[in-house]
């Protein structure tokens, strides 16, 4: 009978929620390539719907440019889903994308899938990608 009790305890501990290994969420690694960097920040903004695209990011990440042509970001707490990312090079550290009189960016910009729009930014669908497992993407910033 003691063997049966020990076996029952072992099975309980083995399958109890506290004994199970915590599931880790997948990681999205984003590398942003900059042309002729000098100073300033790269600003990365992910979006999770067409309705919020380029209007209301759910997160804003900023990283300094240290004379390198690439800046890397890691997003660790994303749920599986469809996302689009925009990025820009805030050369003058003013926390905004500088534009000219017509609204055309004066600073380098880029989007996931290296999507480009015609007569404006790309659509969400052009920049969108499915995220359900650890993924690495690259965004090349360009001057318009």
Protein backbone atom coordinates (compact mmCIF):
# COMPACT_ATOMS: atom_id res chain seq x y z
CA UNK A 1 0.00 0.00 0.00
CA UNK A 2 2.85 2.44 0.69
CA UNK A 3 4.07 1.95 -2.86
CA UNK A 4 0.64 2.94 -4.18
CA UNK A 5 0.60 6.11 -2.07
CA UNK A 6 4.10 7.08 -3.23
CA UNK A 7 3.13 6.42 -6.84
CA UNK A 8 0.02 8.59 -6.50
CA UNK A 9 2.05 11.43 -4.97
CA UNK A 10 4.69 11.17 -7.71
CA UNK A 11 2.03 11.29 -10.45
CA UNK A 12 0.35 14.28 -8.80
CA UNK A 13 3.63 16.22 -8.54
CA UNK A 14 4.61 15.33 -12.08
CA UNK A 15 1.38 16.66 -13.57
CA UNK A 16 0.66 19.55 -11.21
CA UNK A 17 0.69 23.03 -12.80
CA UNK A 18 3.59 24.19 -10.62
CA UNK A 19 5.76 21.34 -11.86
CA UNK A 20 5.26 22.12 -15.50
CA UNK A 21 7.84 24.16 -17.35
CA UNK A 22 6.69 27.68 -18.09
CA UNK A 23 5.95 28.27 -21.74
CA UNK A 24 7.97 31.08 -23.23
CA UNK A 25 6.51 33.33 -25.85
CA UNK A 26 8.19 33.60 -29.21
CA UNK A 27 10.60 36.49 -29.81
CA UNK A 28 10.46 38.94 -32.70
CA UNK A 29 13.88 40.31 -33.60
CA UNK A 30 13.86 43.39 -35.79
CA UNK A 31 17.05 44.75 -37.35
CA UNK A 32 16.76 48.26 -38.79
CA UNK A 33 19.33 49.24 -41.40
CA UNK A 34 20.19 52.95 -41.65
CA UNK A 35 21.90 54.75 -44.52
CA UNK A 36 24.70 57.07 -43.34
CA UNK A 37 23.93 57.09 -39.60
CA UNK A 38 25.54 59.67 -37.37
CA UNK A 39 23.55 60.45 -34.23
CA UNK A 40 19.97 60.30 -33.05
CA UNK A 41 17.51 57.47 -32.53
CA UNK A 42 15.72 54.75 -34.42
CA UNK A 43 12.03 54.72 -33.53
CA UNK A 44 10.15 51.44 -34.01
CA UNK A 45 6.36 51.26 -33.85
CA UNK A 46 4.46 47.96 -34.22
CA UNK A 47 0.77 47.82 -35.15
CA UNK A 48 -1.67 44.93 -34.81
CA UNK A 49 -4.49 46.04 -37.11
CA UNK A 50 -5.23 48.00 -40.25
CA UNK A 51 -7.39 50.38 -38.19
CA UNK A 52 -4.47 51.41 -35.98
CA UNK A 53 -1.76 51.34 -38.68
CA UNK A 54 0.35 54.52 -38.63
CA UNK A 55 -2.09 56.09 -36.17
CA UNK A 56 -1.98 54.29 -32.84
CA UNK A 57 0.93 51.94 -32.20
CA UNK A 58 0.54 49.66 -29.20
CA UNK A 59 4.22 50.20 -28.40
CA UNK A 60 6.93 52.76 -29.21
CA UNK A 61 10.54 51.67 -28.93
CA UNK A 62 13.55 53.97 -29.27
CA UNK A 63 17.21 53.04 -29.51
CA UNK A 64 20.22 55.29 -30.00
CA UNK A 65 22.29 55.09 -33.15
CA UNK A 66 25.90 54.47 -32.24
CA UNK A 67 27.61 55.09 -35.56
CA UNK A 68 26.53 51.62 -36.73
CA UNK A 69 24.47 50.92 -39.82
CA UNK A 70 22.12 48.62 -37.87
CA UNK A 71 20.01 48.90 -34.76
CA UNK A 72 18.48 45.73 -33.29
CA UNK A 73 15.25 45.40 -31.32
CA UNK A 74 13.71 42.42 -29.52
CA UNK A 75 10.01 42.19 -28.81
CA UNK A 76 9.45 39.46 -26.23
CA UNK A 77 5.82 39.74 -25.16
CA UNK A 78 3.93 39.61 -28.44
CA UNK A 79 0.97 37.31 -28.83
CA UNK A 80 0.64 35.31 -32.01
CA UNK A 81 -1.07 37.37 -34.68
CA UNK A 82 -0.66 39.65 -37.66
CA UNK A 83 1.55 42.71 -37.28
CA UNK A 84 3.05 45.52 -39.35
CA UNK A 85 5.98 47.64 -38.23
CA UNK A 86 7.09 51.12 -39.15
CA UNK A 87 10.46 52.61 -38.27
CA UNK A 88 12.19 55.92 -38.80
CA UNK A 89 15.54 57.50 -38.11
CA UNK A 90 15.04 60.43 -35.74
CA UNK A 91 18.33 62.09 -36.63
CA UNK A 92 17.72 65.24 -34.55
CA UNK A 93 16.27 63.51 -31.43
CA UNK A 94 13.06 65.54 -31.44
CA UNK A 95 10.81 62.46 -31.01
CA UNK A 96 8.88 63.07 -34.19
CA UNK A 97 9.17 62.26 -37.88
CA UNK A 98 10.13 65.50 -39.61
CA UNK A 99 8.19 66.15 -42.82
CA UNK A 100 8.18 68.83 -45.49
CA UNK A 101 5.30 71.12 -46.42
CA UNK A 102 3.59 68.30 -48.36
CA UNK A 103 3.92 65.77 -45.51
CA UNK A 104 6.77 63.85 -47.15
CA UNK A 105 9.26 62.57 -44.55
CA UNK A 106 12.59 64.39 -44.38
CA UNK A 107 14.05 61.57 -42.27
CA UNK A 108 14.62 57.97 -43.34
CA UNK A 109 11.59 55.68 -43.01
CA UNK A 110 10.87 51.99 -43.51
CA UNK A 111 8.26 49.27 -43.00
CA UNK A 112 8.16 45.56 -42.38
CA UNK A 113 8.43 43.53 -45.61
CA UNK A 114 10.29 46.64 -46.83
CA UNK A 115 6.87 47.66 -48.14
CA UNK A 116 6.65 50.86 -50.13
CA UNK A 117 3.59 52.88 -50.95
CA UNK A 118 2.85 54.85 -54.04
CA UNK A 119 2.07 58.49 -53.29
CA UNK A 120 2.15 57.81 -49.54
CA UNK A 121 2.90 55.09 -47.03
CA UNK A 122 2.12 51.44 -47.77
CA UNK A 123 -1.11 49.79 -46.68
CA UNK A 124 -1.20 47.60 -43.59
CA UNK A 125 -1.64 44.52 -45.80
CA UNK A 126 1.60 45.27 -47.68
CA UNK A 127 3.62 45.58 -44.48
CA UNK A 128 1.80 42.86 -42.52
CA UNK A 129 3.33 39.54 -41.50
CA UNK A 130 2.12 36.61 -39.42
CA UNK A 131 3.88 36.07 -36.13
CA UNK A 132 3.46 32.82 -34.23
CA UNK A 133 7.01 31.60 -33.61
CA UNK A 134 10.38 33.28 -33.08
CA UNK A 135 11.15 35.33 -36.15
CA UNK A 136 13.79 37.76 -37.36
CA UNK A 137 12.99 40.52 -39.84
CA UNK A 138 14.98 43.35 -41.39
CA UNK A 139 13.75 46.83 -42.25
CA UNK A 140 15.78 49.02 -44.55
CA UNK A 141 15.26 52.71 -43.95
CA UNK A 142 15.16 54.89 -47.04
CA UNK A 143 15.01 58.60 -47.78
CA UNK A 144 12.01 59.72 -49.80
